[in-house]
């Protein structure tokens, strides 16, 4: 069994398709699963994959909820 590597900030940014600044910011506030080794941020590729999958699921659920409430007159707000 091959273990997935721990990624640097640059590698994590490339993998996620965002800037390094975004990765630093998300790591610092605890949004992105990460840890420090010798003062440098590291990211488990496996945990990043899980985190990204969770983000897609949450986004999809929000989208579906929005569709359901806008198509159901009983749940949509009426203007007065």
C-alpha atoms as a PDB file:
ATOM      1  CA  UNK A   1       0.000   0.000   0.000  1.00  0.00           C
ATOM      2  CA  UNK A   2       1.442   3.349  -1.047  1.00  0.00           C
ATOM      3  CA  UNK A   3       1.022   6.206   1.376  1.00  0.00           C
ATOM      4  CA  UNK A   4      -0.113   9.543  -0.091  1.00  0.00           C
ATOM      5  CA  UNK A   5       2.438  12.306   0.458  1.00  0.00           C
ATOM      6  CA  UNK A   6       2.275  15.393   2.573  1.00  0.00           C
ATOM      7  CA  UNK A   7       2.181  18.471   0.371  1.00  0.00           C
ATOM      8  CA  UNK A   8       3.883  21.850   0.692  1.00  0.00           C
ATOM      9  CA  UNK A   9       1.902  25.087   0.459  1.00  0.00           C
ATOM     10  CA  UNK A  10       2.833  25.403  -3.214  1.00  0.00           C
ATOM     11  CA  UNK A  11       1.820  21.808  -3.990  1.00  0.00           C
ATOM     12  CA  UNK A  12      -1.453  22.136  -2.055  1.00  0.00           C
ATOM     13  CA  UNK A  13      -2.267  25.376  -3.886  1.00  0.00           C
ATOM     14  CA  UNK A  14      -1.603  23.723  -7.236  1.00  0.00           C
ATOM     15  CA  UNK A  15      -3.666  20.662  -6.310  1.00  0.00           C
ATOM     16  CA  UNK A  16      -6.595  22.818  -5.146  1.00  0.00           C
ATOM     17  CA  UNK A  17      -6.260  25.275  -8.028  1.00  0.00           C
ATOM     18  CA  UNK A  18      -5.950  28.319  -5.767  1.00  0.00           C
ATOM     19  CA  UNK A  19      -3.195  30.756  -4.849  1.00  0.00           C
ATOM     20  CA  UNK A  20      -0.601  30.067  -2.180  1.00  0.00           C
ATOM     21  CA  UNK A  21      -1.984  33.061  -0.284  1.00  0.00           C
ATOM     22  CA  UNK A  22      -5.407  31.380  -0.138  1.00  0.00           C
ATOM     23  CA  UNK A  23      -3.847  28.170   1.178  1.00  0.00           C
ATOM     24  CA  UNK A  24      -1.941  30.086   3.897  1.00  0.00           C
ATOM     25  CA  UNK A  25      -5.085  31.966   4.906  1.00  0.00           C
ATOM     26  CA  UNK A  26      -7.257  28.836   5.075  1.00  0.00           C
ATOM     27  CA  UNK A  27      -4.577  26.967   7.038  1.00  0.00           C
ATOM     28  CA  UNK A  28      -4.081  29.798   9.517  1.00  0.00           C
ATOM     29  CA  UNK A  29      -7.783  30.035  10.381  1.00  0.00           C
ATOM     30  CA  UNK A  30      -8.127  26.250  10.601  1.00  0.00           C
ATOM     31  CA  UNK A  31     -10.430  25.796   7.609  1.00  0.00           C
ATOM     32  CA  UNK A  32      -7.992  23.672   5.640  1.00  0.00           C
ATOM     33  CA  UNK A  33      -6.650  20.529   7.340  1.00  0.00           C
ATOM     34  CA  UNK A  34      -2.963  21.181   7.903  1.00  0.00           C
ATOM     35  CA  UNK A  35      -0.065  20.985  10.322  1.00  0.00           C
ATOM     36  CA  UNK A  36       3.337  22.567  10.754  1.00  0.00           C
ATOM     37  CA  UNK A  37       6.717  20.849  10.601  1.00  0.00           C
ATOM     38  CA  UNK A  38       9.657  23.016  11.570  1.00  0.00           C
ATOM     39  CA  UNK A  39       7.567  26.143  11.063  1.00  0.00           C
ATOM     40  CA  UNK A  40       6.443  25.132   7.560  1.00  0.00           C
ATOM     41  CA  UNK A  41       2.849  24.251   6.685  1.00  0.00           C
ATOM     42  CA  UNK A  42       2.205  20.731   5.426  1.00  0.00           C
ATOM     43  CA  UNK A  43      -0.997  19.208   4.037  1.00  0.00           C
ATOM     44  CA  UNK A  44      -1.970  15.558   3.939  1.00  0.00           C
ATOM     45  CA  UNK A  45      -3.115  14.809   0.393  1.00  0.00           C
ATOM     46  CA  UNK A  46      -5.621  12.293   1.753  1.00  0.00           C
ATOM     47  CA  UNK A  47      -7.157  14.863   4.123  1.00  0.00           C
ATOM     48  CA  UNK A  48      -7.239  17.490   1.370  1.00  0.00           C
ATOM     49  CA  UNK A  49      -9.119  15.046  -0.855  1.00  0.00           C
ATOM     50  CA  UNK A  50     -11.661  14.408   1.912  1.00  0.00           C
ATOM     51  CA  UNK A  51     -11.981  18.145   2.642  1.00  0.00           C
ATOM     52  CA  UNK A  52     -12.538  18.946  -1.035  1.00  0.00           C
ATOM     53  CA  UNK A  53     -15.167  16.187  -1.324  1.00  0.00           C
ATOM     54  CA  UNK A  54     -16.960  17.581   1.745  1.00  0.00           C
ATOM     55  CA  UNK A  55     -16.918  21.076   0.215  1.00  0.00           C
ATOM     56  CA  UNK A  56     -18.487  19.770  -2.994  1.00  0.00           C
ATOM     57  CA  UNK A  57     -21.160  17.896  -1.039  1.00  0.00           C
ATOM     58  CA  UNK A  58     -22.063  20.971   1.006  1.00  0.00           C
ATOM     59  CA  UNK A  59     -22.211  23.110  -2.138  1.00  0.00           C
ATOM     60  CA  UNK A  60     -24.397  20.572  -3.907  1.00  0.00           C
ATOM     61  CA  UNK A  61     -26.776  20.319  -0.932  1.00  0.00           C
ATOM     62  CA  UNK A  62     -27.101  24.122  -0.783  1.00  0.00           C
ATOM     63  CA  UNK A  63     -27.817  24.223  -4.510  1.00  0.00           C
ATOM     64  CA  UNK A  64     -30.460  21.494  -4.233  1.00  0.00           C
ATOM     65  CA  UNK A  65     -32.068  23.207  -1.235  1.00  0.00           C
ATOM     66  CA  UNK A  66     -32.231  26.463  -3.218  1.00  0.00           C
ATOM     67  CA  UNK A  67     -33.907  24.692  -6.139  1.00  0.00           C
ATOM     68  CA  UNK A  68     -36.469  23.051  -3.861  1.00  0.00           C
ATOM     69  CA  UNK A  69     -37.447  26.263  -2.065  1.00  0.00           C
ATOM     70  CA  UNK A  70     -37.668  28.333  -5.253  1.00  0.00           C
ATOM     71  CA  UNK A  71     -39.821  25.738  -7.029  1.00  0.00           C
ATOM     72  CA  UNK A  72     -42.153  25.149  -4.079  1.00  0.00           C
ATOM     73  CA  UNK A  73     -44.530  28.117  -3.571  1.00  0.00           C
ATOM     74  CA  UNK A  74     -45.323  26.925  -0.048  1.00  0.00           C
ATOM     75  CA  UNK A  75     -41.697  27.341   1.054  1.00  0.00           C
ATOM     76  CA  UNK A  76     -40.787  30.458  -0.891  1.00  0.00           C
ATOM     77  CA  UNK A  77     -41.297  33.845   0.746  1.00  0.00           C
ATOM     78  CA  UNK A  78     -44.163  35.962  -0.492  1.00  0.00           C
ATOM     79  CA  UNK A  79     -43.654  39.673  -1.078  1.00  0.00           C
ATOM     80  CA  UNK A  80     -46.095  41.929   0.726  1.00  0.00           C
END
